C-alpha atoms as a PDB file:
ATOM      1  CA  MET A   1      -0.153   0.031  -0.142  1.00  0.00           C
ATOM      2  CA  HIS A   2       2.857   2.384   1.061  1.00  0.00           C
ATOM      3  CA  SER A   3       4.563   1.814  -2.451  1.00  0.00           C
ATOM      4  CA  LYS A   4       1.438   2.549  -4.197  1.00  0.00           C
ATOM      5  CA  ILE A   5       1.097   5.995  -2.398  1.00  0.00           C
ATOM      6  CA  VAL A   6       4.784   6.707  -3.194  1.00  0.00           C
ATOM      7  CA  MET A   7       4.319   6.004  -6.805  1.00  0.00           C
ATOM      8  CA  LEU A   8       1.170   8.035  -7.076  1.00  0.00           C
ATOM      9  CA  CYS A   9       3.015  10.883  -5.576  1.00  0.00           C
ATOM     10  CA  ILE A  10       5.979  10.690  -7.760  1.00  0.00           C
ATOM     11  CA  VAL A  11       3.623  10.410 -10.979  1.00  0.00           C
ATOM     12  CA  SER A  12       1.664  13.364  -9.714  1.00  0.00           C
ATOM     13  CA  VAL A  13       4.888  15.675  -9.383  1.00  0.00           C
ATOM     14  CA  ALA A  14       6.051  14.685 -12.617  1.00  0.00           C
ATOM     15  CA  ILE A  15       2.888  15.526 -14.327  1.00  0.00           C
ATOM     16  CA  ILE A  16       2.747  19.159 -12.461  1.00  0.00           C
ATOM     17  CA  GLN A  17       6.417  19.570 -13.566  1.00  0.00           C
ATOM     18  CA  ALA A  18       5.690  18.562 -17.264  1.00  0.00           C
ATOM     19  CA  ASP A  19       2.802  20.968 -17.145  1.00  0.00           C
ATOM     20  CA  GLU A  20       4.797  23.885 -15.893  1.00  0.00           C
ATOM     21  CA  SER A  21       7.679  23.260 -18.237  1.00  0.00           C
ATOM     22  CA  ILE A  22       4.979  23.501 -21.146  1.00  0.00           C
ATOM     23  CA  SER A  23       3.177  26.345 -19.669  1.00  0.00           C
ATOM     24  CA  ARG A  24       6.496  28.205 -20.000  1.00  0.00           C
ATOM     25  CA  PHE A  25       5.671  28.224 -23.717  1.00  0.00           C
ATOM     26  CA  ASP A  26       2.387  30.356 -22.930  1.00  0.00           C
ATOM     27  CA  SER A  27       4.694  33.314 -21.825  1.00  0.00           C
ATOM     28  CA  ILE A  28       6.833  33.330 -25.177  1.00  0.00           C
ATOM     29  CA  ASP A  29       5.951  36.017 -27.614  1.00  0.00           C
ATOM     30  CA  TYR A  30       5.633  34.109 -30.763  1.00  0.00           C
ATOM     31  CA  GLU A  31       4.773  37.063 -32.881  1.00  0.00           C
ATOM     32  CA  GLU A  32       8.227  38.560 -31.902  1.00  0.00           C
ATOM     33  CA  ILE A  33      10.056  35.437 -32.840  1.00  0.00           C
ATOM     34  CA  LEU A  34       8.283  35.075 -36.099  1.00  0.00           C
ATOM     35  CA  ALA A  35       8.848  38.596 -37.093  1.00  0.00           C
ATOM     36  CA  SER A  36      12.737  38.532 -36.075  1.00  0.00           C
ATOM     37  CA  GLU A  37      14.998  36.656 -38.518  1.00  0.00           C
ATOM     38  CA  ARG A  38      17.692  36.512 -35.991  1.00  0.00           C
ATOM     39  CA  LEU A  39      15.569  34.790 -33.284  1.00  0.00           C
ATOM     40  CA  LEU A  40      13.490  32.484 -35.619  1.00  0.00           C
ATOM     41  CA  ASN A  41      17.104  31.392 -37.057  1.00  0.00           C
ATOM     42  CA  ASN A  42      18.094  30.579 -33.560  1.00  0.00           C
ATOM     43  CA  TYR A  43      15.314  28.601 -32.735  1.00  0.00           C
ATOM     44  CA  VAL A  44      15.604  26.635 -36.057  1.00  0.00           C
ATOM     45  CA  ASN A  45      19.264  25.977 -35.425  1.00  0.00           C
ATOM     46  CA  CYS A  46      18.538  24.905 -31.896  1.00  0.00           C
ATOM     47  CA  LEU A  47      15.892  22.352 -32.939  1.00  0.00           C
ATOM     48  CA  LEU A  48      18.101  21.069 -35.748  1.00  0.00           C
ATOM     49  CA  ASP A  49      20.998  20.809 -33.250  1.00  0.00           C
ATOM     50  CA  ARG A  50      23.039  23.212 -35.228  1.00  0.00           C
ATOM     51  CA  GLY A  51      23.507  25.981 -32.613  1.00  0.00           C
ATOM     52  CA  PRO A  52      23.075  26.595 -28.892  1.00  0.00           C
ATOM     53  CA  CYS A  53      19.643  26.499 -27.149  1.00  0.00           C
ATOM     54  CA  THR A  54      17.822  28.885 -24.709  1.00  0.00           C
ATOM     55  CA  PRO A  55      16.001  27.229 -21.974  1.00  0.00           C
ATOM     56  CA  GLU A  56      12.906  27.596 -23.797  1.00  0.00           C
ATOM     57  CA  GLY A  57      14.416  26.022 -26.976  1.00  0.00           C
ATOM     58  CA  ASN A  58      15.546  22.913 -24.880  1.00  0.00           C
ATOM     59  CA  GLU A  59      12.072  22.616 -23.455  1.00  0.00           C
ATOM     60  CA  LEU A  60      10.665  23.140 -27.071  1.00  0.00           C
ATOM     61  CA  LYS A  61      12.948  20.185 -28.232  1.00  0.00           C
ATOM     62  CA  LYS A  62      11.326  18.044 -25.633  1.00  0.00           C
ATOM     63  CA  PHE A  63       7.709  19.221 -26.392  1.00  0.00           C
ATOM     64  CA  LEU A  64       7.928  19.094 -30.061  1.00  0.00           C
ATOM     65  CA  PRO A  65       7.991  15.501 -30.853  1.00  0.00           C
ATOM     66  CA  ASP A  66       4.861  14.617 -28.763  1.00  0.00           C
ATOM     67  CA  ALA A  67       2.978  17.855 -30.190  1.00  0.00           C
ATOM     68  CA  LEU A  68       3.712  16.508 -33.727  1.00  0.00           C
ATOM     69  CA  ALA A  69       2.657  13.063 -33.009  1.00  0.00           C
ATOM     70  CA  THR A  70      -0.779  13.950 -31.294  1.00  0.00           C
ATOM     71  CA  ASN A  71      -1.149  17.047 -33.584  1.00  0.00           C
ATOM     72  CA  CYS A  72      -1.044  19.241 -30.728  1.00  0.00           C
ATOM     73  CA  GLY A  73      -4.043  17.087 -29.151  1.00  0.00           C
ATOM     74  CA  ASN A  74      -2.847  17.398 -25.523  1.00  0.00           C
ATOM     75  CA  CYS A  75      -2.524  21.361 -26.030  1.00  0.00           C
ATOM     76  CA  SER A  76      -4.689  23.890 -24.448  1.00  0.00           C
ATOM     77  CA  PRO A  77      -6.771  25.921 -26.928  1.00  0.00           C
ATOM     78  CA  SER A  78      -4.262  28.729 -26.961  1.00  0.00           C
ATOM     79  CA  ARG A  79      -1.276  26.414 -27.582  1.00  0.00           C
ATOM     80  CA  GLN A  80      -3.047  24.850 -30.240  1.00  0.00           C
ATOM     81  CA  GLU A  81      -3.557  28.317 -31.895  1.00  0.00           C
ATOM     82  CA  LYS A  82       0.120  29.237 -31.679  1.00  0.00           C
ATOM     83  CA  TYR A  83       1.176  25.692 -32.821  1.00  0.00           C
ATOM     84  CA  ASP A  84      -1.054  26.136 -35.955  1.00  0.00           C
ATOM     85  CA  LYS A  85       0.237  29.679 -36.582  1.00  0.00           C
ATOM     86  CA  ILE A  86       3.853  28.572 -36.232  1.00  0.00           C
ATOM     87  CA  LEU A  87       3.577  25.696 -38.435  1.00  0.00           C
ATOM     88  CA  THR A  88       1.418  27.518 -41.203  1.00  0.00           C
ATOM     89  CA  PHE A  89       4.210  30.567 -41.027  1.00  0.00           C
ATOM     90  CA  LEU A  90       7.135  28.094 -41.508  1.00  0.00           C
ATOM     91  CA  ALA A  91       5.516  26.249 -44.095  1.00  0.00           C
ATOM     92  CA  LYS A  92       4.603  29.316 -46.034  1.00  0.00           C
ATOM     93  CA  ASN A  93       7.267  31.714 -45.515  1.00  0.00           C
ATOM     94  CA  LYS A  94      10.329  29.859 -44.484  1.00  0.00           C
ATOM     95  CA  LYS A  95      10.355  26.860 -47.003  1.00  0.00           C
ATOM     96  CA  VAL A  96      14.199  25.884 -46.422  1.00  0.00           C
ATOM     97  CA  SER A  97      13.744  25.769 -42.619  1.00  0.00           C
ATOM     98  CA  TRP A  98      10.665  23.930 -42.936  1.00  0.00           C
ATOM     99  CA  HIS A  99      11.969  21.323 -45.137  1.00  0.00           C
ATOM    100  CA  GLU A 100      14.838  20.925 -42.903  1.00  0.00           C
ATOM    101  CA  LEU A 101      12.615  20.559 -39.905  1.00  0.00           C
ATOM    102  CA  THR A 102      10.368  18.140 -41.607  1.00  0.00           C
ATOM    103  CA  VAL A 103      13.105  16.045 -42.610  1.00  0.00           C
ATOM    104  CA  LYS A 104      14.224  15.794 -39.145  1.00  0.00           C
ATOM    105  CA  TYR A 105      10.945  15.576 -37.160  1.00  0.00           C
ATOM    106  CA  ASP A 106       8.624  14.168 -39.823  1.00  0.00           C
ATOM    107  CA  PRO A 107      10.714  12.256 -42.410  1.00  0.00           C
ATOM    108  CA  THR A 108       7.745   9.986 -43.430  1.00  0.00           C
ATOM    109  CA  GLY A 109       5.396  12.706 -43.770  1.00  0.00           C
ATOM    110  CA  GLU A 110       2.963  11.110 -41.189  1.00  0.00           C
ATOM    111  CA  TYR A 111       2.514  14.122 -38.978  1.00  0.00           C
ATOM    112  CA  ARG A 112       1.784  16.440 -42.038  1.00  0.00           C
ATOM    113  CA  LEU A 113      -0.787  14.119 -43.241  1.00  0.00           C
ATOM    114  CA  GLN A 114      -2.620  13.880 -39.904  1.00  0.00           C
ATOM    115  CA  TYR A 115      -2.390  17.713 -39.692  1.00  0.00           C
ATOM    116  CA  LYS A 116      -4.023  18.054 -43.271  1.00  0.00           C
ATOM    117  CA  GLU A 117      -6.701  15.472 -42.281  1.00  0.00           C
ATOM    118  CA  SER A 118      -7.375  17.231 -39.242  1.00  0.00           C
ATOM    119  CA  ARG A 119      -7.064  20.890 -39.942  1.00  0.00           C
ATOM    120  CA  GLY A 120      -7.673  20.606 -43.843  1.00  0.00           C
ATOM    121  CA  VAL A 121      -4.621  22.225 -44.626  1.00  0.00           C
ATOM    122  CA  ASP A 122      -1.619  20.874 -46.767  1.00  0.00           C
ATOM    123  CA  LEU A 123       1.277  22.688 -45.265  1.00  0.00           C
ATOM    124  CA  ASP A 124       3.572  21.328 -47.936  1.00  0.00           C
ATOM    125  CA  SER A 125       1.545  23.205 -50.500  1.00  0.00           C
ATOM    126  CA  LEU A 126       1.430  26.623 -48.812  1.00  0.00           C
END
Protein backbone atom coordinates (compact mmCIF):
# COMPACT_ATOMS: atom_id res chain seq x y z
CA MET A 1 0.00 0.00 0.00
CA HIS A 2 2.77 2.40 0.99
CA SER A 3 4.64 1.84 -2.31
CA LYS A 4 1.48 2.63 -4.30
CA ILE A 5 1.07 5.94 -2.49
CA VAL A 6 4.73 6.82 -3.08
CA MET A 7 4.40 5.93 -6.78
CA LEU A 8 1.23 8.04 -7.07
CA CYS A 9 3.02 11.00 -5.50
CA ILE A 10 5.99 10.63 -7.87
CA VAL A 11 3.73 10.45 -10.93
CA SER A 12 1.73 13.48 -9.72
CA VAL A 13 4.87 15.56 -9.25
CA ALA A 14 6.14 14.54 -12.72
CA ILE A 15 2.84 15.56 -14.33
CA ILE A 16 2.81 18.91 -12.53
CA GLN A 17 6.44 19.61 -13.51
CA ALA A 18 5.75 18.67 -17.13
CA ASP A 19 2.75 20.99 -17.24
CA GLU A 20 4.81 23.81 -15.69
CA SER A 21 7.56 23.26 -18.27
CA ILE A 22 5.06 23.34 -21.11
CA SER A 23 3.27 26.36 -19.61
CA ARG A 24 6.56 28.23 -20.02
CA PHE A 25 5.62 28.40 -23.72
CA ASP A 26 2.50 30.40 -22.91
CA SER A 27 4.61 33.43 -22.01
CA ILE A 28 6.80 33.31 -25.14
CA ASP A 29 6.05 36.06 -27.63
CA TYR A 30 5.73 33.98 -30.80
CA GLU A 31 4.88 37.02 -32.87
CA GLU A 32 8.23 38.57 -31.95
CA ILE A 33 10.11 35.39 -32.81
CA LEU A 34 8.38 34.96 -36.17
CA ALA A 35 9.02 38.63 -36.99
CA SER A 36 12.72 38.42 -36.18
CA GLU A 37 14.94 36.59 -38.63
CA ARG A 38 17.67 36.34 -35.99
CA LEU A 39 15.44 34.88 -33.25
CA LEU A 40 13.69 32.51 -35.63
CA ASN A 41 17.01 31.25 -37.02
CA ASN A 42 18.29 30.70 -33.48
CA TYR A 43 15.27 28.53 -32.64
CA VAL A 44 15.50 26.62 -35.93
CA ASN A 45 19.22 26.03 -35.40
CA CYS A 46 18.51 24.83 -31.88
CA LEU A 47 15.83 22.40 -33.09
CA LEU A 48 18.17 21.11 -35.79
CA ASP A 49 21.08 20.72 -33.32
CA ARG A 50 23.13 23.26 -35.27
CA GLY A 51 23.41 25.90 -32.58
CA PRO A 52 23.01 26.62 -28.91
CA CYS A 53 19.58 26.48 -27.30
CA THR A 54 17.98 28.81 -24.80
CA PRO A 55 16.18 27.12 -21.90
CA GLU A 56 12.94 27.63 -23.85
CA GLY A 57 14.55 26.09 -26.94
CA ASN A 58 15.54 23.00 -24.95
CA GLU A 59 11.99 22.69 -23.61
CA LEU A 60 10.65 23.08 -27.14
CA LYS A 61 12.89 20.24 -28.32
CA LYS A 62 11.36 18.03 -25.62
CA PHE A 63 7.79 19.16 -26.35
CA LEU A 64 7.87 19.10 -30.16
CA PRO A 65 7.93 15.33 -30.86
CA ASP A 66 4.81 14.73 -28.75
CA ALA A 67 3.06 17.79 -30.16
CA LEU A 68 3.69 16.53 -33.68
CA ALA A 69 2.70 12.95 -32.88
CA THR A 70 -0.59 14.03 -31.30
CA ASN A 71 -1.22 16.98 -33.61
CA CYS A 72 -1.03 19.09 -30.45
CA GLY A 73 -4.01 17.14 -29.18
CA ASN A 74 -2.84 17.55 -25.58
CA CYS A 75 -2.44 21.30 -25.99
CA SER A 76 -4.68 23.96 -24.52
CA PRO A 77 -6.69 25.95 -27.08
CA SER A 78 -4.22 28.85 -26.89
CA ARG A 79 -1.24 26.52 -27.43
CA GLN A 80 -3.13 24.86 -30.29
CA GLU A 81 -3.61 28.25 -31.94
CA LYS A 82 0.09 29.10 -31.56
CA TYR A 83 1.06 25.67 -32.89
CA ASP A 84 -1.09 26.17 -35.99
CA LYS A 85 0.21 29.67 -36.56
CA ILE A 86 3.86 28.65 -36.27
CA LEU A 87 3.54 25.63 -38.56
CA THR A 88 1.65 27.64 -41.16
CA PHE A 89 4.14 30.50 -40.99
CA LEU A 90 7.15 28.22 -41.41
CA ALA A 91 5.59 26.20 -44.23
CA LYS A 92 4.52 29.32 -46.10
CA ASN A 93 7.36 31.76 -45.45
CA LYS A 94 10.46 29.77 -44.50
CA LYS A 95 10.50 26.92 -46.97
CA VAL A 96 14.16 25.91 -46.45
CA SER A 97 13.80 25.82 -42.67
CA TRP A 98 10.44 24.05 -43.02
CA HIS A 99 12.02 21.39 -45.22
CA GLU A 100 14.93 20.86 -42.83
CA LEU A 101 12.61 20.58 -39.83
CA THR A 102 10.30 18.12 -41.59
CA VAL A 103 13.25 15.96 -42.63
CA LYS A 104 14.29 15.71 -38.98
CA TYR A 105 10.93 15.59 -37.19
CA ASP A 106 8.56 14.11 -39.81
CA PRO A 107 10.64 12.23 -42.39
CA THR A 108 7.75 9.98 -43.46
CA GLY A 109 5.21 12.81 -43.73
CA GLU A 110 2.90 11.01 -41.28
CA TYR A 111 2.38 14.05 -39.03
CA ARG A 112 1.78 16.41 -41.94
CA LEU A 113 -0.84 14.01 -43.27
CA GLN A 114 -2.53 13.90 -39.85
CA TYR A 115 -2.46 17.69 -39.79
CA LYS A 116 -4.01 17.90 -43.25
CA GLU A 117 -6.76 15.43 -42.33
CA SER A 118 -7.62 17.18 -39.05
CA ARG A 119 -7.18 20.83 -40.09
CA GLY A 120 -7.85 20.65 -43.82
CA VAL A 121 -4.54 22.37 -44.56
CA ASP A 122 -1.78 20.84 -46.66
CA LEU A 123 1.29 22.50 -45.15
CA ASP A 124 3.53 21.29 -47.95
CA SER A 125 1.50 23.14 -50.60
CA LEU A 126 1.51 26.56 -48.92
